């Protein structure tokens, strides 16, 4: 895996250092407008594009692979941060994933364009982008399904089949392939039980599950290894920002299925849709004559209200980790003509940046003991919202919330629970730290206080 990336990087360096004719080709490919090449990138070209960004901005980028597709293509990620490759205590983690369905190609290209744009603007001194990169660890995965994309892209002509390349090379629809945690949480709502982290300590079971595609397993491990806070999954076939739950409670095809953070998800979905002039247009006609988009309001929709999706990645994020994810449908056509890509970039550029900024909302802070030692896996609860999150390994946590007044608690077995009242604005996030007292220490203190009292009483009464 590492050797593949090294070969890719060395190859790109060789191309950049080669003769005049090759330089012309490189310029044609990478310098069309502000360094962004508005064209489809096949697998090898995708690698070149990511390497190009890394070569231009090596101090804030890192390329790595989180695994391989069924046919052996790398699932490549470009990190953008002031310290790429490491989690900084207190800094939230964000991800964009594109091309989960291989024939839904616009998201794949927008993520490549976004990587180049962030690099360009950082070098230009754009303060908004600099602050965002310095305060956020951004992970960009252009393609979760590179095999499917190659199959879809291999079709002749601009008009692509609606289904060719949708699934992975095994014929698995990756957005129906995740463990169905909705059914578990729906049962727990009735009978009592956990409301989050429903796959805790289940990595081995994931690896042994033969029904899960390699691409799905790689994403599950990634989600469980990195303390992601916010994410979006980029699709095509319609134009809307879709939020949890995706799977209906009753099993019906269409049913509004609110999650505990319904108000927050509406707010962050609108943060995306409101800056996309097509998505937010109330008079936009349906993509196809017979499409039912009656659930679309202000460019957003509840997933279940639109149509039920069991085993989807969006709800899996929310129920297996601390990560809030929405699904963004970017285009009526799944694989539109190449000469339309710039128009999709123009429609989505501001939304893509604004959505990342939503990670800095709600509350954030650290959970420590009285000696200042970080406490991981502390449960952070919000009164009235039946969805807990947990602190990361450095004791840091982030909890996205809609504006309002909240009671927030930090709970750890063996420690006294601490509850704090917090007024949360739209942004930025309010810093709320918790210092927890160990019950063992409390008992020792009480024992010492009792001994002191007994000593004093003994002296007073001449025992």
Foldseek 3Di string as FASTA:
>chain_A
DVVVLVVLLVVLVCLCPDDDVSVVVVCQQQPPDLRAGLFAAALSRLSSLLSVLCVLPVQFWDKDFLFAFPVGRGQIKIKGANHPPDDDFPAAEEEEEECLFQLQQLQLSLLSRLSSVLSSCVVVVVPLSVVLRHRHIYIYGSHLASQLNVQQVPDDDQDTDPRRSRAHPVRHNLFQQAPQCVQVCLVCVVVNDAQAQPCPPPLVVLVVDPSHGRSNNSVVVVLVVHQHAEYEYEGAQWFAKEFDDQAASVRDFADQHAALQNVLRVVLRLLQLVQQVQLQDPPRDTLDPPQDPVQADRRYHYNRRRTHRGNGPQVCSQHNANYHYIYGHQYNRSRGGSVCSVVSSVRGVSSVSSSSQLQQFAEKEFEEAPVRQGDWQWWKDKPSRSGIHIAHPRRIDGHHHAFDKIWIWTDDPQWDIDIDIDGTHSDGHHYDYHYIYGPVVVVVVVVVVVVVVVVVVCVVVVD
